[in-house]
N, C-alpha and C. Protein backbone atom coordinates (compact mmCIF):
# COMPACT_ATOMS: atom_id res chain seq x y z
N MET A 1 84.13 55.69 25.80
CA MET A 1 85.10 54.82 25.16
C MET A 1 85.43 53.61 26.06
N PHE A 2 85.36 53.80 27.39
CA PHE A 2 85.71 52.73 28.32
C PHE A 2 84.55 51.71 28.39
N ALA A 3 84.91 50.44 28.20
CA ALA A 3 83.92 49.39 28.30
C ALA A 3 83.65 49.08 29.76
N PRO A 4 82.40 48.88 30.16
CA PRO A 4 82.09 48.55 31.57
C PRO A 4 82.76 47.24 31.99
N LYS A 5 82.99 47.11 33.26
CA LYS A 5 83.73 45.98 33.82
C LYS A 5 82.98 44.65 33.58
N ASN A 6 81.62 44.70 33.59
CA ASN A 6 80.91 43.45 33.35
C ASN A 6 80.97 43.02 31.88
N VAL A 7 81.30 43.93 30.96
CA VAL A 7 81.46 43.58 29.56
C VAL A 7 82.93 43.24 29.24
N CYS A 8 83.85 44.01 29.85
CA CYS A 8 85.27 43.88 29.56
C CYS A 8 86.09 43.79 30.82
N PRO A 9 86.66 42.60 31.14
CA PRO A 9 87.43 42.50 32.39
C PRO A 9 88.86 43.05 32.25
N VAL A 10 89.24 43.53 31.09
CA VAL A 10 90.58 44.03 30.86
C VAL A 10 90.75 45.36 31.61
N PRO A 11 91.89 45.53 32.34
CA PRO A 11 92.10 46.81 33.00
C PRO A 11 92.08 48.00 31.99
N PHE A 12 91.73 49.19 32.45
CA PHE A 12 91.50 50.36 31.62
C PHE A 12 92.67 50.64 30.74
N ASP A 13 93.89 50.62 31.27
CA ASP A 13 95.08 50.99 30.51
C ASP A 13 95.49 49.94 29.47
N GLN A 14 94.94 48.69 29.62
CA GLN A 14 95.32 47.64 28.69
C GLN A 14 94.29 47.33 27.65
N GLN A 15 93.19 48.09 27.65
CA GLN A 15 92.18 47.91 26.60
C GLN A 15 92.73 48.52 25.33
N PRO A 16 92.63 47.83 24.21
CA PRO A 16 93.21 48.32 22.96
C PRO A 16 92.74 49.71 22.55
N LEU A 17 91.46 49.98 22.69
CA LEU A 17 90.94 51.32 22.30
C LEU A 17 91.56 52.42 23.19
N ASN A 18 91.71 52.14 24.47
CA ASN A 18 92.34 53.12 25.35
C ASN A 18 93.81 53.27 25.12
N GLU A 19 94.47 52.16 24.74
CA GLU A 19 95.88 52.23 24.34
C GLU A 19 96.04 53.09 23.09
N TYR A 20 95.09 52.95 22.17
CA TYR A 20 95.10 53.76 20.95
C TYR A 20 94.94 55.24 21.30
N LEU A 21 93.99 55.55 22.15
CA LEU A 21 93.75 56.99 22.52
C LEU A 21 94.99 57.56 23.26
N ALA A 22 95.59 56.75 24.12
CA ALA A 22 96.80 57.24 24.80
C ALA A 22 97.97 57.48 23.84
N LEU A 23 98.10 56.57 22.88
CA LEU A 23 99.18 56.74 21.90
C LEU A 23 98.92 57.96 20.99
N LYS A 24 97.65 58.17 20.68
CA LYS A 24 97.24 59.28 19.83
C LYS A 24 97.53 60.63 20.52
N LYS A 25 97.45 60.65 21.85
CA LYS A 25 97.69 61.90 22.61
C LYS A 25 99.14 62.09 22.97
N SER A 26 99.97 61.07 22.86
CA SER A 26 101.38 61.17 23.27
C SER A 26 102.12 62.11 22.31
N CYS A 27 103.07 62.80 22.85
CA CYS A 27 103.81 63.79 22.06
C CYS A 27 104.58 63.16 20.92
N PHE A 28 105.21 62.00 21.17
CA PHE A 28 106.06 61.37 20.13
C PHE A 28 105.22 60.86 18.94
N PHE A 29 104.07 60.30 19.25
CA PHE A 29 103.26 59.66 18.22
C PHE A 29 102.24 60.59 17.58
N ALA A 30 101.88 61.66 18.24
CA ALA A 30 100.78 62.53 17.77
C ALA A 30 101.10 63.17 16.43
N TRP A 31 102.37 63.56 16.20
CA TRP A 31 102.67 64.26 14.94
C TRP A 31 102.57 63.33 13.71
N SER A 32 102.63 62.02 13.95
CA SER A 32 102.59 61.12 12.81
C SER A 32 101.19 60.94 12.25
N ILE A 33 100.15 61.44 12.95
CA ILE A 33 98.78 61.31 12.44
C ILE A 33 98.21 62.67 12.04
N LEU A 34 99.05 63.62 11.86
CA LEU A 34 98.63 64.91 11.37
C LEU A 34 98.24 64.87 9.90
N SER A 35 97.74 65.94 9.37
CA SER A 35 97.45 65.97 7.92
C SER A 35 98.75 65.81 7.15
N LEU A 36 98.64 65.44 5.91
CA LEU A 36 99.84 65.16 5.10
C LEU A 36 100.79 66.34 5.04
N LYS A 37 100.26 67.53 4.83
CA LYS A 37 101.10 68.71 4.74
C LYS A 37 101.84 68.99 6.07
N LYS A 38 101.14 68.88 7.19
CA LYS A 38 101.78 69.10 8.50
C LYS A 38 102.78 67.99 8.81
N TYR A 39 102.43 66.77 8.35
CA TYR A 39 103.35 65.65 8.56
C TYR A 39 104.69 65.88 7.83
N ILE A 40 104.60 66.30 6.57
CA ILE A 40 105.79 66.52 5.80
C ILE A 40 106.59 67.71 6.35
N ASN A 41 105.89 68.74 6.79
CA ASN A 41 106.57 69.89 7.41
C ASN A 41 107.26 69.47 8.69
N THR A 42 106.64 68.60 9.46
CA THR A 42 107.26 68.17 10.71
C THR A 42 108.48 67.33 10.42
N VAL A 43 108.42 66.45 9.41
CA VAL A 43 109.60 65.65 9.05
C VAL A 43 110.73 66.54 8.58
N ILE A 44 110.45 67.54 7.78
CA ILE A 44 111.45 68.48 7.33
C ILE A 44 112.04 69.26 8.51
N TYR A 45 111.17 69.66 9.44
CA TYR A 45 111.66 70.39 10.63
C TYR A 45 112.60 69.49 11.45
N ILE A 46 112.21 68.22 11.65
CA ILE A 46 113.06 67.29 12.40
C ILE A 46 114.39 67.10 11.67
N PHE A 47 114.33 67.00 10.34
CA PHE A 47 115.56 66.82 9.56
C PHE A 47 116.49 68.00 9.73
N ILE A 48 115.99 69.23 9.61
CA ILE A 48 116.80 70.43 9.74
C ILE A 48 117.33 70.59 11.17
N LEU A 49 116.48 70.30 12.15
CA LEU A 49 116.92 70.41 13.54
C LEU A 49 118.02 69.41 13.85
N ALA A 50 117.85 68.17 13.38
CA ALA A 50 118.87 67.15 13.62
C ALA A 50 120.15 67.48 12.85
N LEU A 51 120.03 68.08 11.68
CA LEU A 51 121.21 68.42 10.91
C LEU A 51 122.01 69.54 11.60
N THR A 52 121.30 70.49 12.23
CA THR A 52 122.02 71.55 12.94
C THR A 52 122.73 71.04 14.17
N PHE A 53 122.25 69.95 14.76
CA PHE A 53 122.95 69.39 15.92
C PHE A 53 124.06 68.43 15.52
N ILE A 54 123.83 67.70 14.44
CA ILE A 54 124.83 66.66 14.00
C ILE A 54 126.03 67.25 13.30
N MET A 55 125.81 68.29 12.50
CA MET A 55 126.88 68.83 11.67
C MET A 55 128.07 69.33 12.50
N PRO A 56 127.87 70.08 13.57
CA PRO A 56 129.06 70.49 14.38
C PRO A 56 129.77 69.27 15.03
N ILE A 57 129.00 68.26 15.35
CA ILE A 57 129.61 67.10 15.95
C ILE A 57 130.51 66.37 14.94
N VAL A 58 129.99 66.23 13.74
CA VAL A 58 130.79 65.59 12.67
C VAL A 58 132.00 66.43 12.37
N TRP A 59 131.86 67.74 12.38
CA TRP A 59 133.01 68.63 12.12
C TRP A 59 134.07 68.47 13.15
N VAL A 60 133.69 68.42 14.43
CA VAL A 60 134.65 68.30 15.53
C VAL A 60 135.31 66.92 15.54
N LEU A 61 134.50 65.88 15.22
CA LEU A 61 135.05 64.54 15.29
C LEU A 61 135.87 64.14 14.05
N SER A 62 135.82 64.94 13.02
CA SER A 62 136.62 64.59 11.81
C SER A 62 138.06 64.83 12.14
N TYR A 63 138.87 63.82 11.98
CA TYR A 63 140.28 63.89 12.38
C TYR A 63 141.11 64.81 11.48
N ASN A 64 140.89 64.74 10.24
CA ASN A 64 141.73 65.48 9.31
C ASN A 64 141.09 66.76 8.85
N LYS A 65 140.00 67.21 9.57
CA LYS A 65 139.27 68.44 9.23
C LYS A 65 138.95 68.43 7.73
N MET A 66 138.10 67.49 7.33
CA MET A 66 137.72 67.33 5.92
C MET A 66 136.97 68.55 5.45
N ALA A 67 136.82 68.61 4.16
CA ALA A 67 136.14 69.74 3.50
C ALA A 67 134.69 69.83 4.02
N LEU A 68 134.15 71.03 3.93
CA LEU A 68 132.84 71.31 4.46
C LEU A 68 131.76 70.50 3.78
N TRP A 69 131.88 70.23 2.51
CA TRP A 69 130.84 69.46 1.82
C TRP A 69 130.92 68.03 2.22
N TYR A 70 132.07 67.47 2.58
CA TYR A 70 132.19 66.14 3.17
C TYR A 70 131.44 66.06 4.50
N VAL A 71 131.70 67.07 5.32
CA VAL A 71 131.03 67.16 6.61
C VAL A 71 129.51 67.19 6.41
N PHE A 72 129.06 67.96 5.44
CA PHE A 72 127.67 68.08 5.16
C PHE A 72 127.08 66.71 4.72
N LEU A 73 127.78 66.01 3.82
CA LEU A 73 127.28 64.71 3.32
C LEU A 73 127.24 63.68 4.46
N TYR A 74 128.29 63.65 5.26
CA TYR A 74 128.29 62.72 6.39
C TYR A 74 127.21 63.07 7.42
N SER A 75 126.96 64.32 7.59
CA SER A 75 125.92 64.75 8.56
C SER A 75 124.54 64.30 8.04
N ILE A 76 124.33 64.41 6.75
CA ILE A 76 123.07 63.99 6.16
C ILE A 76 122.87 62.51 6.35
N VAL A 77 123.95 61.74 6.18
CA VAL A 77 123.84 60.29 6.38
C VAL A 77 123.45 59.98 7.82
N TYR A 78 124.06 60.65 8.79
CA TYR A 78 123.69 60.41 10.20
C TYR A 78 122.30 60.85 10.51
N VAL A 79 121.87 61.97 9.95
CA VAL A 79 120.48 62.42 10.14
C VAL A 79 119.50 61.44 9.54
N ASP A 80 119.81 60.90 8.39
CA ASP A 80 118.93 59.86 7.77
C ASP A 80 118.88 58.63 8.65
N LEU A 81 119.98 58.27 9.25
CA LEU A 81 119.96 57.13 10.20
C LEU A 81 119.06 57.43 11.38
N ILE A 82 119.12 58.64 11.88
CA ILE A 82 118.22 59.02 12.99
C ILE A 82 116.76 58.95 12.55
N LEU A 83 116.47 59.43 11.32
CA LEU A 83 115.10 59.37 10.83
C LEU A 83 114.62 57.92 10.63
N ILE A 84 115.54 57.05 10.21
CA ILE A 84 115.17 55.65 10.06
C ILE A 84 114.82 55.05 11.43
N LEU A 85 115.57 55.35 12.45
CA LEU A 85 115.25 54.87 13.78
C LEU A 85 113.94 55.46 14.27
N LEU A 86 113.69 56.72 14.00
CA LEU A 86 112.47 57.37 14.42
C LEU A 86 111.24 56.75 13.71
N PHE A 87 111.30 56.58 12.42
CA PHE A 87 110.18 55.93 11.68
C PHE A 87 110.00 54.48 12.11
N THR A 88 111.08 53.79 12.41
CA THR A 88 110.95 52.39 12.87
C THR A 88 110.20 52.34 14.18
N ARG A 89 110.48 53.25 15.10
CA ARG A 89 109.77 53.33 16.38
C ARG A 89 108.30 53.67 16.20
N LEU A 90 108.05 54.60 15.29
CA LEU A 90 106.65 54.94 15.02
C LEU A 90 105.88 53.76 14.41
N TYR A 91 106.52 53.08 13.48
CA TYR A 91 105.88 51.93 12.84
C TYR A 91 105.64 50.82 13.82
N LEU A 92 106.55 50.53 14.73
CA LEU A 92 106.38 49.46 15.70
C LEU A 92 105.29 49.79 16.69
N GLY A 93 105.23 51.05 17.14
CA GLY A 93 104.20 51.46 18.06
C GLY A 93 102.81 51.38 17.51
N TRP A 94 102.62 51.91 16.31
CA TRP A 94 101.28 51.90 15.69
C TRP A 94 100.89 50.48 15.26
N SER A 95 101.86 49.71 14.79
CA SER A 95 101.46 48.36 14.35
C SER A 95 101.11 47.45 15.54
N TYR A 96 101.69 47.70 16.71
CA TYR A 96 101.30 46.98 17.92
C TYR A 96 99.87 47.28 18.30
N ILE A 97 99.51 48.54 18.22
CA ILE A 97 98.14 48.98 18.56
C ILE A 97 97.11 48.40 17.58
N VAL A 98 97.46 48.48 16.29
CA VAL A 98 96.51 47.99 15.29
C VAL A 98 96.37 46.46 15.37
N LYS A 99 97.44 45.77 15.77
CA LYS A 99 97.33 44.33 15.95
C LYS A 99 96.38 43.98 17.11
N ARG A 100 96.45 44.72 18.16
CA ARG A 100 95.57 44.50 19.31
C ARG A 100 94.12 44.90 19.00
N LEU A 101 93.95 45.93 18.15
CA LEU A 101 92.58 46.32 17.79
C LEU A 101 91.95 45.32 16.83
N LEU A 102 92.70 44.78 15.91
CA LEU A 102 92.16 43.83 14.95
C LEU A 102 91.95 42.44 15.48
N SER A 103 92.65 42.09 16.54
CA SER A 103 92.59 40.76 17.11
C SER A 103 91.25 40.54 17.83
N ALA A 104 90.73 39.32 17.73
CA ALA A 104 89.47 38.95 18.38
C ALA A 104 89.69 38.68 19.87
N THR A 105 90.92 38.44 20.26
CA THR A 105 91.20 38.21 21.67
C THR A 105 92.21 39.23 22.17
N VAL A 106 92.17 39.48 23.44
CA VAL A 106 93.09 40.43 24.09
C VAL A 106 93.74 39.77 25.27
N PHE A 107 95.08 39.74 25.22
CA PHE A 107 95.83 39.26 26.38
C PHE A 107 96.08 40.40 27.33
N TYR A 108 95.81 40.18 28.60
CA TYR A 108 96.01 41.22 29.59
C TYR A 108 96.51 40.63 30.88
N GLU A 109 97.12 41.48 31.72
CA GLU A 109 97.65 41.08 33.03
C GLU A 109 96.86 41.78 34.12
N GLU A 110 96.41 41.01 35.06
CA GLU A 110 95.59 41.58 36.11
C GLU A 110 96.47 42.28 37.17
N SER A 111 97.50 41.64 37.68
CA SER A 111 98.32 42.27 38.70
C SER A 111 99.81 42.10 38.42
N GLY A 112 100.20 41.26 37.52
CA GLY A 112 101.59 41.09 37.23
C GLY A 112 101.78 40.11 36.05
N TRP A 113 103.03 39.84 35.73
CA TRP A 113 103.36 39.01 34.56
C TRP A 113 102.94 37.61 34.76
N TYR A 114 102.72 37.14 35.98
CA TYR A 114 102.47 35.76 36.25
C TYR A 114 100.99 35.36 36.18
N ASP A 115 100.06 36.30 36.08
CA ASP A 115 98.65 35.95 36.02
C ASP A 115 97.96 36.58 34.84
N GLY A 116 98.48 36.30 33.66
CA GLY A 116 97.86 36.86 32.46
C GLY A 116 96.58 36.11 32.09
N GLN A 117 95.64 36.81 31.47
CA GLN A 117 94.38 36.27 31.05
C GLN A 117 94.15 36.62 29.60
N ILE A 118 93.24 35.88 28.98
CA ILE A 118 92.84 36.16 27.62
C ILE A 118 91.32 36.47 27.62
N TRP A 119 90.95 37.59 27.02
CA TRP A 119 89.55 37.99 26.95
C TRP A 119 89.14 37.96 25.48
N ILE A 120 88.01 37.34 25.19
CA ILE A 120 87.47 37.29 23.84
C ILE A 120 86.51 38.49 23.71
N LYS A 121 86.75 39.32 22.71
CA LYS A 121 85.94 40.52 22.53
C LYS A 121 84.53 40.16 22.10
N THR A 122 83.62 41.00 22.50
CA THR A 122 82.23 40.84 22.04
C THR A 122 82.14 41.33 20.58
N VAL A 123 81.05 40.99 19.92
CA VAL A 123 80.91 41.37 18.52
C VAL A 123 80.90 42.89 18.33
N ASP A 124 80.22 43.58 19.24
CA ASP A 124 80.18 45.05 19.10
C ASP A 124 81.53 45.70 19.27
N ILE A 125 82.25 45.26 20.30
CA ILE A 125 83.56 45.82 20.58
C ILE A 125 84.55 45.46 19.48
N LEU A 126 84.49 44.19 19.03
CA LEU A 126 85.33 43.79 17.94
C LEU A 126 85.09 44.55 16.65
N THR A 127 83.86 44.81 16.31
CA THR A 127 83.49 45.58 15.13
C THR A 127 84.02 47.00 15.22
N LYS A 128 83.79 47.65 16.39
CA LYS A 128 84.27 49.02 16.59
C LYS A 128 85.78 49.06 16.51
N ASP A 129 86.45 48.13 17.19
CA ASP A 129 87.93 48.12 17.17
C ASP A 129 88.49 47.91 15.75
N ARG A 130 87.86 47.00 15.00
CA ARG A 130 88.36 46.73 13.66
C ARG A 130 88.11 47.91 12.74
N LEU A 131 86.99 48.60 12.89
CA LEU A 131 86.76 49.79 12.07
C LEU A 131 87.81 50.84 12.36
N ILE A 132 88.10 51.06 13.62
CA ILE A 132 89.13 52.03 13.98
C ILE A 132 90.51 51.63 13.45
N GLY A 133 90.82 50.35 13.58
CA GLY A 133 92.13 49.85 13.13
C GLY A 133 92.29 49.96 11.65
N LEU A 134 91.24 49.57 10.90
CA LEU A 134 91.36 49.50 9.44
C LEU A 134 91.27 50.88 8.79
N TYR A 135 90.38 51.75 9.32
CA TYR A 135 90.13 52.98 8.60
C TYR A 135 90.78 54.21 9.23
N GLU A 136 91.23 54.12 10.47
CA GLU A 136 91.91 55.27 11.06
C GLU A 136 93.44 55.04 11.15
N ILE A 137 93.86 53.87 11.56
CA ILE A 137 95.27 53.68 11.86
C ILE A 137 96.03 53.14 10.62
N ASN A 138 95.47 52.23 9.85
CA ASN A 138 96.20 51.65 8.73
C ASN A 138 96.69 52.66 7.71
N PRO A 139 95.95 53.75 7.40
CA PRO A 139 96.50 54.73 6.47
C PRO A 139 97.75 55.41 7.06
N TYR A 140 97.75 55.65 8.36
CA TYR A 140 98.90 56.28 8.99
C TYR A 140 100.11 55.32 9.00
N ILE A 141 99.83 54.05 9.24
CA ILE A 141 100.87 53.04 9.19
C ILE A 141 101.48 52.97 7.80
N ALA A 142 100.66 53.01 6.78
CA ALA A 142 101.16 52.96 5.43
C ALA A 142 102.03 54.18 5.13
N ARG A 143 101.62 55.36 5.60
CA ARG A 143 102.38 56.57 5.37
C ARG A 143 103.75 56.49 6.08
N ILE A 144 103.74 55.96 7.33
CA ILE A 144 104.98 55.84 8.07
C ILE A 144 105.89 54.79 7.37
N LYS A 145 105.32 53.72 6.84
CA LYS A 145 106.05 52.69 6.18
C LYS A 145 106.71 53.24 4.90
N TYR A 146 105.97 54.05 4.13
CA TYR A 146 106.55 54.65 2.94
C TYR A 146 107.65 55.63 3.31
N SER A 147 107.45 56.37 4.37
CA SER A 147 108.52 57.31 4.81
C SER A 147 109.75 56.53 5.25
N LEU A 148 109.57 55.42 5.93
CA LEU A 148 110.68 54.60 6.32
C LEU A 148 111.43 54.05 5.12
N PHE A 149 110.71 53.51 4.15
CA PHE A 149 111.35 52.98 2.94
C PHE A 149 112.08 54.05 2.17
N LEU A 150 111.49 55.25 2.11
CA LEU A 150 112.13 56.35 1.44
C LEU A 150 113.42 56.75 2.13
N CYS A 151 113.43 56.80 3.47
CA CYS A 151 114.64 57.13 4.22
C CYS A 151 115.70 56.04 4.03
N ILE A 152 115.31 54.80 4.02
CA ILE A 152 116.24 53.71 3.83
C ILE A 152 116.88 53.83 2.42
N PHE A 153 116.05 54.10 1.41
CA PHE A 153 116.57 54.22 0.05
C PHE A 153 117.53 55.40 -0.05
N VAL A 154 117.17 56.52 0.51
CA VAL A 154 118.03 57.73 0.47
C VAL A 154 119.32 57.44 1.25
N PHE A 155 119.22 56.74 2.37
CA PHE A 155 120.40 56.40 3.16
C PHE A 155 121.35 55.53 2.34
N LEU A 156 120.84 54.50 1.72
CA LEU A 156 121.70 53.62 0.87
C LEU A 156 122.29 54.38 -0.30
N LEU A 157 121.51 55.25 -0.91
CA LEU A 157 122.01 56.07 -2.02
C LEU A 157 123.16 56.99 -1.52
N GLU A 158 123.00 57.59 -0.38
CA GLU A 158 124.01 58.48 0.17
C GLU A 158 125.28 57.67 0.49
N CYS A 159 125.11 56.49 1.05
CA CYS A 159 126.28 55.62 1.36
C CYS A 159 127.05 55.28 0.10
N ILE A 160 126.32 54.97 -0.97
CA ILE A 160 126.98 54.66 -2.25
C ILE A 160 127.73 55.86 -2.80
N VAL A 161 127.09 57.05 -2.73
CA VAL A 161 127.76 58.25 -3.17
C VAL A 161 129.01 58.54 -2.35
N LEU A 162 128.93 58.40 -1.05
CA LEU A 162 130.10 58.63 -0.21
C LEU A 162 131.22 57.61 -0.50
N TYR A 163 130.80 56.39 -0.83
CA TYR A 163 131.80 55.37 -1.14
C TYR A 163 132.50 55.67 -2.45
N LEU A 164 131.75 56.19 -3.42
CA LEU A 164 132.32 56.47 -4.76
C LEU A 164 133.18 57.73 -4.72
N ILE A 165 132.94 58.62 -3.80
CA ILE A 165 133.74 59.89 -3.78
C ILE A 165 135.11 59.68 -3.19
């Protein structure tokens, strides 16, 4: 996967393909590229886990010791907010990588922020990077985007319901 130095002057960690492989192996981003069933199960697991931690906090912080179903509704709102932040981070991370893979040029830093360079990809590397970006990463980005929109919709719906109650 590593391009030789005479073909690619970009440092190993800053090559888009290697950034993709590192992101794919990271604990935070790896679950977002699982199969659809495992992905949904993981989201449900995160939701339940966050709810078990948030619900006691909302109960303790409620000044007038509101009813349990109010505590439950407010806890779900906070958990949805956490999921929105989580999906936003996933979306930003994967979209950064796909942007670098699809781009014909790569900006890189040799030793610091003051000496950045731009490398123009060869046709072979550009083709391989674009195939990976379009056919491997874009479906996951679309799934994360739909999950984010669904969480935002549910969050707004919950806020309206809490306002009306």
